PDB file of N, CA and C in Angstrom:
ATOM      1  N   MET A   1      28.218 -28.661 -37.658  1.00  0.00           N
ATOM      2  CA  MET A   1      28.988 -29.757 -38.201  1.00  0.00           C
ATOM      3  C   MET A   1      28.927 -30.928 -37.228  1.00  0.00           C
ATOM      4  N   THR A   2      28.628 -32.110 -37.749  1.00  0.00           N
ATOM      5  CA  THR A   2      28.418 -33.235 -36.864  1.00  0.00           C
ATOM      6  C   THR A   2      29.661 -34.089 -36.652  1.00  0.00           C
ATOM      7  N   GLU A   3      30.445 -34.329 -37.681  1.00  0.00           N
ATOM      8  CA  GLU A   3      31.637 -35.148 -37.480  1.00  0.00           C
ATOM      9  C   GLU A   3      32.842 -34.278 -37.165  1.00  0.00           C
ATOM     10  N   LYS A   4      33.695 -34.800 -36.304  1.00  0.00           N
ATOM     11  CA  LYS A   4      34.882 -34.058 -35.874  1.00  0.00           C
ATOM     12  C   LYS A   4      35.927 -34.063 -36.987  1.00  0.00           C
ATOM     13  N   GLN A   5      36.449 -32.888 -37.289  1.00  0.00           N
ATOM     14  CA  GLN A   5      37.473 -32.787 -38.331  1.00  0.00           C
ATOM     15  C   GLN A   5      38.859 -32.920 -37.722  1.00  0.00           C
ATOM     16  N   GLU A   6      39.830 -33.189 -38.611  1.00  0.00           N
ATOM     17  CA  GLU A   6      41.208 -33.343 -38.156  1.00  0.00           C
ATOM     18  C   GLU A   6      41.693 -32.066 -37.482  1.00  0.00           C
ATOM     19  N   LYS A   7      42.550 -32.207 -36.487  1.00  0.00           N
ATOM     20  CA  LYS A   7      43.092 -31.048 -35.774  1.00  0.00           C
ATOM     21  C   LYS A   7      44.205 -30.421 -36.606  1.00  0.00           C
ATOM     22  N   ILE A   8      44.114 -29.123 -36.806  1.00  0.00           N
ATOM     23  CA  ILE A   8      45.134 -28.364 -37.522  1.00  0.00           C
ATOM     24  C   ILE A   8      46.234 -28.007 -36.528  1.00  0.00           C
ATOM     25  N   VAL A   9      47.458 -28.321 -36.880  1.00  0.00           N
ATOM     26  CA  VAL A   9      48.627 -27.973 -36.064  1.00  0.00           C
ATOM     27  C   VAL A   9      49.578 -27.202 -36.968  1.00  0.00           C
ATOM     28  N   GLN A  10      49.987 -26.041 -36.522  1.00  0.00           N
ATOM     29  CA  GLN A  10      50.856 -25.180 -37.320  1.00  0.00           C
ATOM     30  C   GLN A  10      52.086 -24.813 -36.501  1.00  0.00           C
ATOM     31  N   THR A  11      53.241 -24.890 -37.129  1.00  0.00           N
ATOM     32  CA  THR A  11      54.479 -24.495 -36.461  1.00  0.00           C
ATOM     33  C   THR A  11      55.276 -23.477 -37.277  1.00  0.00           C
ATOM     34  N   ALA A  12      54.709 -23.010 -38.387  1.00  0.00           N
ATOM     35  CA  ALA A  12      55.444 -22.091 -39.271  1.00  0.00           C
ATOM     36  C   ALA A  12      55.877 -20.824 -38.555  1.00  0.00           C
ATOM     37  N   GLY A  13      55.050 -20.291 -37.675  1.00  0.00           N
ATOM     38  CA  GLY A  13      55.411 -19.080 -36.945  1.00  0.00           C
ATOM     39  C   GLY A  13      56.660 -19.274 -36.121  1.00  0.00           C
ATOM     40  N   ARG A  14      56.674 -20.315 -35.344  1.00  0.00           N
ATOM     41  CA  ARG A  14      57.848 -20.581 -34.507  1.00  0.00           C
ATOM     42  C   ARG A  14      59.050 -20.991 -35.350  1.00  0.00           C
ATOM     43  N   ASP A  15      58.793 -21.792 -36.400  1.00  0.00           N
ATOM     44  CA  ASP A  15      59.888 -22.244 -37.259  1.00  0.00           C
ATOM     45  C   ASP A  15      60.587 -21.080 -37.952  1.00  0.00           C
ATOM     46  N   ARG A  16      59.808 -20.121 -38.424  1.00  0.00           N
ATOM     47  CA  ARG A  16      60.385 -19.024 -39.225  1.00  0.00           C
ATOM     48  C   ARG A  16      60.661 -17.758 -38.440  1.00  0.00           C
ATOM     49  N   LEU A  17      59.847 -17.494 -37.410  1.00  0.00           N
ATOM     50  CA  LEU A  17      59.975 -16.216 -36.702  1.00  0.00           C
ATOM     51  C   LEU A  17      60.114 -16.347 -35.194  1.00  0.00           C
ATOM     52  N   GLY A  18      60.170 -17.566 -34.686  1.00  0.00           N
ATOM     53  CA  GLY A  18      60.174 -17.773 -33.241  1.00  0.00           C
ATOM     54  C   GLY A  18      61.239 -17.012 -32.489  1.00  0.00           C
ATOM     55  N   ASP A  19      62.448 -16.969 -33.021  1.00  0.00           N
ATOM     56  CA  ASP A  19      63.538 -16.243 -32.363  1.00  0.00           C
ATOM     57  C   ASP A  19      63.429 -14.734 -32.550  1.00  0.00           C
ATOM     58  N   PHE A  20      62.885 -14.316 -33.680  1.00  0.00           N
ATOM     59  CA  PHE A  20      62.822 -12.898 -34.025  1.00  0.00           C
ATOM     60  C   PHE A  20      61.563 -12.222 -33.486  1.00  0.00           C
ATOM     61  N   ALA A  21      60.413 -12.889 -33.624  1.00  0.00           N
ATOM     62  CA  ALA A  21      59.130 -12.306 -33.210  1.00  0.00           C
ATOM     63  C   ALA A  21      58.300 -13.377 -32.503  1.00  0.00           C
ATOM     64  N   PRO A  22      58.709 -13.769 -31.291  1.00  0.00           N
ATOM     65  CA  PRO A  22      58.048 -14.880 -30.612  1.00  0.00           C
ATOM     66  C   PRO A  22      56.565 -14.664 -30.325  1.00  0.00           C
ATOM     67  N   GLU A  23      56.176 -13.442 -30.010  1.00  0.00           N
ATOM     68  CA  GLU A  23      54.765 -13.186 -29.721  1.00  0.00           C
ATOM     69  C   GLU A  23      53.917 -13.358 -30.993  1.00  0.00           C
ATOM     70  N   PHE A  24      54.398 -12.840 -32.119  1.00  0.00           N
ATOM     71  CA  PHE A  24      53.709 -13.022 -33.397  1.00  0.00           C
ATOM     72  C   PHE A  24      53.624 -14.505 -33.742  1.00  0.00           C
ATOM     73  N   ALA A  25      54.723 -15.237 -33.529  1.00  0.00           N
ATOM     74  CA  ALA A  25      54.739 -16.678 -33.795  1.00  0.00           C
ATOM     75  C   ALA A  25      53.684 -17.394 -32.958  1.00  0.00           C
ATOM     76  N   HIS A  26      53.558 -17.000 -31.708  1.00  0.00           N
ATOM     77  CA  HIS A  26      52.526 -17.567 -30.829  1.00  0.00           C
ATOM     78  C   HIS A  26      51.128 -17.290 -31.383  1.00  0.00           C
ATOM     79  N   TYR A  27      50.851 -16.051 -31.772  1.00  0.00           N
ATOM     80  CA  TYR A  27      49.534 -15.713 -32.319  1.00  0.00           C
ATOM     81  C   TYR A  27      49.243 -16.522 -33.579  1.00  0.00           C
ATOM     82  N   ASN A  28      50.247 -16.648 -34.439  1.00  0.00           N
ATOM     83  CA  ASN A  28      50.081 -17.393 -35.686  1.00  0.00           C
ATOM     84  C   ASN A  28      49.789 -18.871 -35.421  1.00  0.00           C
ATOM     85  N   ASP A  29      50.648 -19.503 -34.642  1.00  0.00           N
ATOM     86  CA  ASP A  29      50.559 -20.947 -34.451  1.00  0.00           C
ATOM     87  C   ASP A  29      49.450 -21.361 -33.487  1.00  0.00           C
ATOM     88  N   ASP A  30      49.306 -20.638 -32.392  1.00  0.00           N
ATOM     89  CA  ASP A  30      48.390 -21.066 -31.336  1.00  0.00           C
ATOM     90  C   ASP A  30      46.988 -20.459 -31.453  1.00  0.00           C
ATOM     91  N   ILE A  31      46.892 -19.226 -31.915  1.00  0.00           N
ATOM     92  CA  ILE A  31      45.584 -18.569 -31.986  1.00  0.00           C
ATOM     93  C   ILE A  31      44.973 -18.729 -33.381  1.00  0.00           C
ATOM     94  N   LEU A  32      45.662 -18.203 -34.405  1.00  0.00           N
ATOM     95  CA  LEU A  32      45.110 -18.279 -35.762  1.00  0.00           C
ATOM     96  C   LEU A  32      44.864 -19.726 -36.168  1.00  0.00           C
ATOM     97  N   PHE A  33      45.902 -20.552 -36.095  1.00  0.00           N
ATOM     98  CA  PHE A  33      45.743 -21.943 -36.530  1.00  0.00           C
ATOM     99  C   PHE A  33      45.261 -22.845 -35.400  1.00  0.00           C
ATOM    100  N   GLY A  34      45.816 -22.704 -34.215  1.00  0.00           N
ATOM    101  CA  GLY A  34      45.451 -23.581 -33.111  1.00  0.00           C
ATOM    102  C   GLY A  34      44.011 -23.445 -32.663  1.00  0.00           C
ATOM    103  N   GLU A  35      43.497 -22.223 -32.618  1.00  0.00           N
ATOM    104  CA  GLU A  35      42.116 -22.011 -32.183  1.00  0.00           C
ATOM    105  C   GLU A  35      41.173 -21.738 -33.350  1.00  0.00           C
ATOM    106  N   ASN A  36      41.474 -20.729 -34.159  1.00  0.00           N
ATOM    107  CA  ASN A  36      40.556 -20.341 -35.228  1.00  0.00           C
ATOM    108  C   ASN A  36      40.353 -21.455 -36.255  1.00  0.00           C
ATOM    109  N   TRP A  37      41.431 -22.017 -36.781  1.00  0.00           N
ATOM    110  CA  TRP A  37      41.311 -23.067 -37.794  1.00  0.00           C
ATOM    111  C   TRP A  37      40.711 -24.347 -37.228  1.00  0.00           C
ATOM    112  N   ASN A  38      40.742 -24.533 -35.917  1.00  0.00           N
ATOM    113  CA  ASN A  38      40.166 -25.724 -35.306  1.00  0.00           C
ATOM    114  C   ASN A  38      38.745 -25.521 -34.796  1.00  0.00           C
ATOM    115  N   ASN A  39      38.194 -24.330 -34.984  1.00  0.00           N
ATOM    116  CA  ASN A  39      36.800 -24.088 -34.644  1.00  0.00           C
ATOM    117  C   ASN A  39      35.928 -24.990 -35.514  1.00  0.00           C
ATOM    118  N   GLN A  40      35.011 -25.698 -34.917  1.00  0.00           N
ATOM    119  CA  GLN A  40      34.205 -26.696 -35.615  1.00  0.00           C
ATOM    120  C   GLN A  40      32.960 -26.125 -36.309  1.00  0.00           C
ATOM    121  N   ASP A  41      32.738 -24.819 -36.235  1.00  0.00           N
ATOM    122  CA  ASP A  41      31.543 -24.235 -36.843  1.00  0.00           C
ATOM    123  C   ASP A  41      31.609 -24.179 -38.364  1.00  0.00           C
ATOM    124  N   LEU A  42      32.820 -24.220 -38.930  1.00  0.00           N
ATOM    125  CA  LEU A  42      33.011 -24.311 -40.379  1.00  0.00           C
ATOM    126  C   LEU A  42      33.854 -25.541 -40.674  1.00  0.00           C
ATOM    127  N   ASP A  43      33.504 -26.263 -41.726  1.00  0.00           N
ATOM    128  CA  ASP A  43      34.351 -27.393 -42.096  1.00  0.00           C
ATOM    129  C   ASP A  43      35.608 -26.857 -42.787  1.00  0.00           C
ATOM    130  N   LEU A  44      36.626 -27.694 -42.864  1.00  0.00           N
ATOM    131  CA  LEU A  44      37.916 -27.262 -43.405  1.00  0.00           C
ATOM    132  C   LEU A  44      37.839 -26.865 -44.870  1.00  0.00           C
ATOM    133  N   LYS A  45      37.031 -27.549 -45.657  1.00  0.00           N
ATOM    134  CA  LYS A  45      36.892 -27.212 -47.075  1.00  0.00           C
ATOM    135  C   LYS A  45      36.364 -25.790 -47.233  1.00  0.00           C
ATOM    136  N   THR A  46      35.329 -25.445 -46.481  1.00  0.00           N
ATOM    137  CA  THR A  46      34.762 -24.090 -46.523  1.00  0.00           C
ATOM    138  C   THR A  46      35.771 -23.069 -46.039  1.00  0.00           C
ATOM    139  N   ARG A  47      36.436 -23.375 -44.942  1.00  0.00           N
ATOM    140  CA  ARG A  47      37.448 -22.467 -44.376  1.00  0.00           C
ATOM    141  C   ARG A  47      38.569 -22.219 -45.391  1.00  0.00           C
ATOM    142  N   CYS A  48      38.979 -23.273 -46.104  1.00  0.00           N
ATOM    143  CA  CYS A  48      40.019 -23.135 -47.129  1.00  0.00           C
ATOM    144  C   CYS A  48      39.560 -22.211 -48.256  1.00  0.00           C
ATOM    145  N   LEU A  49      38.338 -22.400 -48.740  1.00  0.00           N
ATOM    146  CA  LEU A  49      37.809 -21.539 -49.806  1.00  0.00           C
ATOM    147  C   LEU A  49      37.720 -20.083 -49.352  1.00  0.00           C
ATOM    148  N   LEU A  50      37.263 -19.869 -48.134  1.00  0.00           N
ATOM    149  CA  LEU A  50      37.182 -18.498 -47.611  1.00  0.00           C
ATOM    150  C   LEU A  50      38.561 -17.853 -47.528  1.00  0.00           C
ATOM    151  N   THR A  51      39.539 -18.611 -47.086  1.00  0.00           N
ATOM    152  CA  THR A  51      40.896 -18.077 -46.952  1.00  0.00           C
ATOM    153  C   THR A  51      41.479 -17.711 -48.309  1.00  0.00           C
ATOM    154  N   VAL A  52      41.322 -18.591 -49.289  1.00  0.00           N
ATOM    155  CA  VAL A  52      41.827 -18.309 -50.645  1.00  0.00           C
ATOM    156  C   VAL A  52      41.170 -17.053 -51.193  1.00  0.00           C
ATOM    157  N   THR A  53      39.860 -16.925 -51.049  1.00  0.00           N
ATOM    158  CA  THR A  53      39.188 -15.756 -51.626  1.00  0.00           C
ATOM    159  C   THR A  53      39.526 -14.475 -50.864  1.00  0.00           C
ATOM    160  N   ALA A  54      39.760 -14.580 -49.553  1.00  0.00           N
ATOM    161  CA  ALA A  54      40.163 -13.388 -48.796  1.00  0.00           C
ATOM    162  C   ALA A  54      41.550 -12.921 -49.227  1.00  0.00           C
ATOM    163  N   LEU A  55      42.474 -13.853 -49.416  1.00  0.00           N
ATOM    164  CA  LEU A  55      43.809 -13.479 -49.876  1.00  0.00           C
ATOM    165  C   LEU A  55      43.749 -12.902 -51.289  1.00  0.00           C
ATOM    166  N   MET A  56      42.929 -13.510 -52.146  1.00  0.00           N
ATOM    167  CA  MET A  56      42.761 -13.004 -53.509  1.00  0.00           C
ATOM    168  C   MET A  56      42.232 -11.571 -53.488  1.00  0.00           C
ATOM    169  N   ALA A  57      41.226 -11.320 -52.662  1.00  0.00           N
ATOM    170  CA  ALA A  57      40.618  -9.986 -52.598  1.00  0.00           C
ATOM    171  C   ALA A  57      41.631  -8.924 -52.183  1.00  0.00           C
ATOM    172  N   GLN A  58      42.624  -9.331 -51.406  1.00  0.00           N
ATOM    173  CA  GLN A  58      43.661  -8.395 -50.974  1.00  0.00           C
ATOM    174  C   GLN A  58      44.810  -8.281 -51.965  1.00  0.00           C
ATOM    175  N   GLY A  59      44.804  -9.137 -52.983  1.00  0.00           N
ATOM    176  CA  GLY A  59      45.879  -9.110 -53.964  1.00  0.00           C
ATOM    177  C   GLY A  59      47.137  -9.825 -53.504  1.00  0.00           C
ATOM    178  N   ILE A  60      47.012 -10.703 -52.525  1.00  0.00           N
ATOM    179  CA  ILE A  60      48.159 -11.447 -52.012  1.00  0.00           C
ATOM    180  C   ILE A  60      48.353 -12.687 -52.869  1.00  0.00           C
ATOM    181  N   THR A  61      49.463 -12.727 -53.585  1.00  0.00           N
ATOM    182  CA  THR A  61      49.723 -13.860 -54.484  1.00  0.00           C
ATOM    183  C   THR A  61      51.126 -14.436 -54.244  1.00  0.00           C
ATOM    184  N   ASP A  62      51.559 -14.398 -53.008  1.00  0.00           N
ATOM    185  CA  ASP A  62      52.878 -14.918 -52.669  1.00  0.00           C
ATOM    186  C   ASP A  62      52.767 -16.371 -52.205  1.00  0.00           C
ATOM    187  N   ALA A  63      53.795 -16.853 -51.543  1.00  0.00           N
ATOM    188  CA  ALA A  63      53.842 -18.239 -51.087  1.00  0.00           C
ATOM    189  C   ALA A  63      52.702 -18.578 -50.125  1.00  0.00           C
ATOM    190  N   SER A  64      52.205 -17.595 -49.398  1.00  0.00           N
ATOM    191  CA  SER A  64      51.094 -17.886 -48.481  1.00  0.00           C
ATOM    192  C   SER A  64      49.845 -18.289 -49.255  1.00  0.00           C
ATOM    193  N   LEU A  65      49.578 -17.638 -50.382  1.00  0.00           N
ATOM    194  CA  LEU A  65      48.425 -18.039 -51.194  1.00  0.00           C
ATOM    195  C   LEU A  65      48.664 -19.412 -51.801  1.00  0.00           C
ATOM    196  N   GLU A  66      49.862 -19.670 -52.272  1.00  0.00           N
ATOM    197  CA  GLU A  66      50.171 -21.007 -52.809  1.00  0.00           C
ATOM    198  C   GLU A  66      49.917 -22.065 -51.748  1.00  0.00           C
ATOM    199  N   HIS A  67      50.350 -21.813 -50.524  1.00  0.00           N
ATOM    200  CA  HIS A  67      50.118 -22.751 -49.422  1.00  0.00           C
ATOM    201  C   HIS A  67      48.622 -22.990 -49.235  1.00  0.00           C
ATOM    202  N   HIS A  68      47.844 -21.907 -49.224  1.00  0.00           N
ATOM    203  CA  HIS A  68      46.407 -22.043 -48.972  1.00  0.00           C
ATOM    204  C   HIS A  68      45.677 -22.669 -50.156  1.00  0.00           C
ATOM    205  N   LEU A  69      46.152 -22.460 -51.371  1.00  0.00           N
ATOM    206  CA  LEU A  69      45.578 -23.167 -52.518  1.00  0.00           C
ATOM    207  C   LEU A  69      45.852 -24.666 -52.402  1.00  0.00           C
ATOM    208  N   GLN A  70      47.077 -25.034 -52.073  1.00  0.00           N
ATOM    209  CA  GLN A  70      47.401 -26.456 -51.894  1.00  0.00           C
ATOM    210  C   GLN A  70      46.592 -27.048 -50.751  1.00  0.00           C
ATOM    211  N   ASN A  71      46.439 -26.294 -49.681  1.00  0.00           N
ATOM    212  CA  ASN A  71      45.645 -26.730 -48.539  1.00  0.00           C
ATOM    213  C   ASN A  71      44.192 -26.960 -48.952  1.00  0.00           C
ATOM    214  N   ALA A  72      43.663 -26.066 -49.796  1.00  0.00           N
ATOM    215  CA  ALA A  72      42.292 -26.227 -50.281  1.00  0.00           C
ATOM    216  C   ALA A  72      42.158 -27.517 -51.084  1.00  0.00           C
ATOM    217  N   LYS A  73      43.094 -27.750 -51.980  1.00  0.00           N
ATOM    218  CA  LYS A  73      43.072 -28.989 -52.772  1.00  0.00           C
ATOM    219  C   LYS A  73      43.162 -30.201 -51.850  1.00  0.00           C
ATOM    220  N   ASN A  74      44.048 -30.136 -50.871  1.00  0.00           N
ATOM    221  CA  ASN A  74      44.221 -31.249 -49.937  1.00  0.00           C
ATOM    222  C   ASN A  74      42.975 -31.536 -49.106  1.00  0.00           C
ATOM    223  N   HIS A  75      42.126 -30.519 -48.922  1.00  0.00           N
ATOM    224  CA  HIS A  75      40.909 -30.690 -48.126  1.00  0.00           C
ATOM    225  C   HIS A  75      39.659 -30.819 -48.999  1.00  0.00           C
ATOM    226  N   GLY A  76      39.856 -31.246 -50.248  1.00  0.00           N
ATOM    227  CA  GLY A  76      38.714 -31.639 -51.064  1.00  0.00           C
ATOM    228  C   GLY A  76      38.146 -30.613 -52.009  1.00  0.00           C
ATOM    229  N   VAL A  77      38.765 -29.449 -52.131  1.00  0.00           N
ATOM    230  CA  VAL A  77      38.273 -28.466 -53.101  1.00  0.00           C
ATOM    231  C   VAL A  77      38.684 -28.961 -54.484  1.00  0.00           C
ATOM    232  N   SER A  78      37.699 -29.164 -55.336  1.00  0.00           N
ATOM    233  CA  SER A  78      37.963 -29.667 -56.683  1.00  0.00           C
ATOM    234  C   SER A  78      38.409 -28.535 -57.603  1.00  0.00           C
ATOM    235  N   GLN A  79      38.915 -28.911 -58.756  1.00  0.00           N
ATOM    236  CA  GLN A  79      39.288 -27.911 -59.760  1.00  0.00           C
ATOM    237  C   GLN A  79      38.074 -27.077 -60.149  1.00  0.00           C
ATOM    238  N   ALA A  80      36.942 -27.728 -60.363  1.00  0.00           N
ATOM    239  CA  ALA A  80      35.724 -26.999 -60.742  1.00  0.00           C
ATOM    240  C   ALA A  80      35.321 -26.003 -59.655  1.00  0.00           C
ATOM    241  N   GLU A  81      35.447 -26.396 -58.389  1.00  0.00           N
ATOM    242  CA  GLU A  81      35.068 -25.506 -57.287  1.00  0.00           C
ATOM    243  C   GLU A  81      36.014 -24.321 -57.173  1.00  0.00           C
ATOM    244  N   ILE A  82      37.333 -24.552 -57.312  1.00  0.00           N
ATOM    245  CA  ILE A  82      38.262 -23.429 -57.191  1.00  0.00           C
ATOM    246  C   ILE A  82      38.089 -22.468 -58.365  1.00  0.00           C
ATOM    247  N   VAL A  83      37.847 -23.009 -59.557  1.00  0.00           N
ATOM    248  CA  VAL A  83      37.613 -22.165 -60.731  1.00  0.00           C
ATOM    249  C   VAL A  83      36.347 -21.324 -60.527  1.00  0.00           C
ATOM    250  N   ALA A  84      35.285 -21.939 -60.040  1.00  0.00           N
ATOM    251  CA  ALA A  84      34.035 -21.201 -59.799  1.00  0.00           C
ATOM    252  C   ALA A  84      34.224 -20.123 -58.735  1.00  0.00           C
ATOM    253  N   ALA A  85      34.954 -20.446 -57.666  1.00  0.00           N
ATOM    254  CA  ALA A  85      35.172 -19.473 -56.591  1.00  0.00           C
ATOM    255  C   ALA A  85      35.991 -18.286 -57.078  1.00  0.00           C
ATOM    256  N   ILE A  86      37.081 -18.565 -57.788  1.00  0.00           N
ATOM    257  CA  ILE A  86      37.934 -17.477 -58.290  1.00  0.00           C
ATOM    258  C   ILE A  86      37.162 -16.621 -59.289  1.00  0.00           C
ATOM    259  N   THR A  87      36.412 -17.245 -60.170  1.00  0.00           N
ATOM    260  CA  THR A  87      35.626 -16.501 -61.153  1.00  0.00           C
ATOM    261  C   THR A  87      34.597 -15.619 -60.465  1.00  0.00           C
ATOM    262  N   HIS A  88      33.898 -16.159 -59.483  1.00  0.00           N
ATOM    263  CA  HIS A  88      32.888 -15.388 -58.752  1.00  0.00           C
ATOM    264  C   HIS A  88      33.520 -14.177 -58.070  1.00  0.00           C
ATOM    265  N   VAL A  89      34.620 -14.402 -57.370  1.00  0.00           N
ATOM    266  CA  VAL A  89      35.268 -13.324 -56.623  1.00  0.00           C
ATOM    267  C   VAL A  89      35.889 -12.290 -57.563  1.00  0.00           C
ATOM    268  N   ALA A  90      36.247 -12.698 -58.775  1.00  0.00           N
ATOM    269  CA  ALA A  90      36.842 -11.769 -59.747  1.00  0.00           C
ATOM    270  C   ALA A  90      35.947 -10.562 -59.999  1.00  0.00           C
ATOM    271  N   PHE A  91      34.645 -10.768 -60.014  1.00  0.00           N
ATOM    272  CA  PHE A  91      33.713  -9.670 -60.261  1.00  0.00           C
ATOM    273  C   PHE A  91      33.682  -8.669 -59.110  1.00  0.00           C
ATOM    274  N   TYR A  92      34.047  -9.092 -57.932  1.00  0.00           N
ATOM    275  CA  TYR A  92      34.019  -8.239 -56.746  1.00  0.00           C
ATOM    276  C   TYR A  92      35.409  -7.730 -56.353  1.00  0.00           C
ATOM    277  N   ALA A  93      36.445  -8.528 -56.580  1.00  0.00           N
ATOM    278  CA  ALA A  93      37.790  -8.191 -56.111  1.00  0.00           C
ATOM    279  C   ALA A  93      38.695  -7.665 -57.220  1.00  0.00           C
ATOM    280  N   GLY A  94      38.381  -7.995 -58.469  1.00  0.00           N
ATOM    281  CA  GLY A  94      39.173  -7.497 -59.583  1.00  0.00           C
ATOM    282  C   GLY A  94      39.659  -8.591 -60.510  1.00  0.00           C
ATOM    283  N   TRP A  95      39.543  -8.308 -61.793  1.00  0.00           N
ATOM    284  CA  TRP A  95      39.921  -9.264 -62.837  1.00  0.00           C
ATOM    285  C   TRP A  95      41.420  -9.596 -62.815  1.00  0.00           C
ATOM    286  N   PRO A  96      42.308  -8.599 -62.685  1.00  0.00           N
ATOM    287  CA  PRO A  96      43.739  -8.914 -62.644  1.00  0.00           C
ATOM    288  C   PRO A  96      44.108  -9.816 -61.463  1.00  0.00           C
ATOM    289  N   LYS A  97      43.432  -9.664 -60.336  1.00  0.00           N
ATOM    290  CA  LYS A  97      43.696 -10.537 -59.195  1.00  0.00           C
ATOM    291  C   LYS A  97      43.313 -11.978 -59.537  1.00  0.00           C
ATOM    292  N   ALA A  98      42.206 -12.133 -60.254  1.00  0.00           N
ATOM    293  CA  ALA A  98      41.779 -13.477 -60.654  1.00  0.00           C
ATOM    294  C   ALA A  98      42.814 -14.118 -61.565  1.00  0.00           C
ATOM    295  N   TRP A  99      43.341 -13.355 -62.516  1.00  0.00           N
ATOM    296  CA  TRP A  99      44.381 -13.889 -63.400  1.00  0.00           C
ATOM    297  C   TRP A  99      45.568 -14.398 -62.583  1.00  0.00           C
ATOM    298  N   ALA A 100      45.995 -13.612 -61.617  1.00  0.00           N
ATOM    299  CA  ALA A 100      47.146 -13.997 -60.801  1.00  0.00           C
ATOM    300  C   ALA A 100      46.860 -15.279 -60.015  1.00  0.00           C
ATOM    301  N   VAL A 101      45.669 -15.379 -59.446  1.00  0.00           N
ATOM    302  CA  VAL A 101      45.315 -16.561 -58.661  1.00  0.00           C
ATOM    303  C   VAL A 101      45.132 -17.772 -59.570  1.00  0.00           C
ATOM    304  N   PHE A 102      44.524 -17.567 -60.735  1.00  0.00           N
ATOM    305  CA  PHE A 102      44.377 -18.681 -61.677  1.00  0.00           C
ATOM    306  C   PHE A 102      45.735 -19.251 -62.081  1.00  0.00           C
ATOM    307  N   ASN A 103      46.719 -18.387 -62.275  1.00  0.00           N
ATOM    308  CA  ASN A 103      48.055 -18.868 -62.646  1.00  0.00           C
ATOM    309  C   ASN A 103      48.638 -19.769 -61.566  1.00  0.00           C
ATOM    310  N   LEU A 104      48.412 -19.429 -60.309  1.00  0.00           N
ATOM    311  CA  LEU A 104      48.883 -20.265 -59.207  1.00  0.00           C
ATOM    312  C   LEU A 104      48.053 -21.541 -59.077  1.00  0.00           C
ATOM    313  N   ALA A 105      46.731 -21.387 -59.133  1.00  0.00           N
ATOM    314  CA  ALA A 105      45.828 -22.531 -58.964  1.00  0.00           C
ATOM    315  C   ALA A 105      46.013 -23.564 -60.067  1.00  0.00           C
ATOM    316  N   LYS A 106      46.206 -23.103 -61.288  1.00  0.00           N
ATOM    317  CA  LYS A 106      46.393 -24.030 -62.402  1.00  0.00           C
ATOM    318  C   LYS A 106      47.595 -24.937 -62.143  1.00  0.00           C
ATOM    319  N   GLY A 107      48.675 -24.363 -61.685  1.00  0.00           N
ATOM    320  CA  GLY A 107      49.856 -25.156 -61.390  1.00  0.00           C
ATOM    321  C   GLY A 107      49.612 -26.196 -60.308  1.00  0.00           C
ATOM    322  N   ILE A 108      48.809 -25.854 -59.326  1.00  0.00           N
ATOM    323  CA  ILE A 108      48.538 -26.773 -58.217  1.00  0.00           C
ATOM    324  C   ILE A 108      47.562 -27.876 -58.628  1.00  0.00           C
ATOM    325  N   TRP A 109      46.487 -27.518 -59.300  1.00  0.00           N
ATOM    326  CA  TRP A 109      45.494 -28.526 -59.665  1.00  0.00           C
ATOM    327  C   TRP A 109      45.938 -29.387 -60.843  1.00  0.00           C
ATOM    328  N   MET A 110      46.777 -28.852 -61.717  1.00  0.00           N
ATOM    329  CA  MET A 110      47.214 -29.615 -62.880  1.00  0.00           C
ATOM    330  C   MET A 110      48.497 -30.406 -62.604  1.00  0.00           C
ATOM    331  N   GLU A 111      49.144 -30.119 -61.487  1.00  0.00           N
ATOM    332  CA  GLU A 111      50.407 -30.762 -61.117  1.00  0.00           C
ATOM    333  C   GLU A 111      50.245 -32.280 -61.021  1.00  0.00           C
ATOM    334  N   GLY A 112      50.915 -32.985 -61.928  1.00  0.00           N
ATOM    335  CA  GLY A 112      50.928 -34.438 -61.880  1.00  0.00           C
ATOM    336  C   GLY A 112      49.611 -35.116 -62.176  1.00  0.00           C
ATOM    337  N   ASP A 113      48.609 -34.343 -62.621  1.00  0.00           N
ATOM    338  CA  ASP A 113      47.291 -34.938 -62.876  1.00  0.00           C
ATOM    339  C   ASP A 113      46.684 -34.286 -64.098  1.00  0.00           C
ATOM    340  N   LYS A 114      46.813 -34.909 -65.221  1.00  0.00           N
ATOM    341  CA  LYS A 114      46.303 -34.351 -66.479  1.00  0.00           C
ATOM    342  C   LYS A 114      44.775 -34.242 -66.463  1.00  0.00           C
ATOM    343  N   ASN A 115      44.105 -34.984 -65.582  1.00  0.00           N
ATOM    344  CA  ASN A 115      42.636 -34.967 -65.518  1.00  0.00           C
ATOM    345  C   ASN A 115      42.130 -34.260 -64.265  1.00  0.00           C
ATOM    346  N   ALA A 116      42.925 -33.333 -63.713  1.00  0.00           N
ATOM    347  CA  ALA A 116      42.565 -32.664 -62.448  1.00  0.00           C
ATOM    348  C   ALA A 116      41.262 -31.908 -62.566  1.00  0.00           C
TER     349      ALA A 116
END
């Protein structure tokens, strides 16, 4: 990658678990997001797509997936791209998982934009 991407800064670990699980919060904020998400070998759009499909493959459809779907949209993943990615992964990860992710993705991509 030739151009420098924006620096990812995460505080959710400390905000939500800092008092209860400070070491986990450190790993989340400083290692996962501070180092891994800021690695320049993958652009943010690709990293977002990989994260969404990894969560989908595990059947995780909670607020963390919603966050990562919104993050993907915010980093340039189009409706057509997210639909293609979810459809592709459905054949490998499971059709019911795709339905669950589509229900979340539809709300995010269609939110406030009839032509999303």
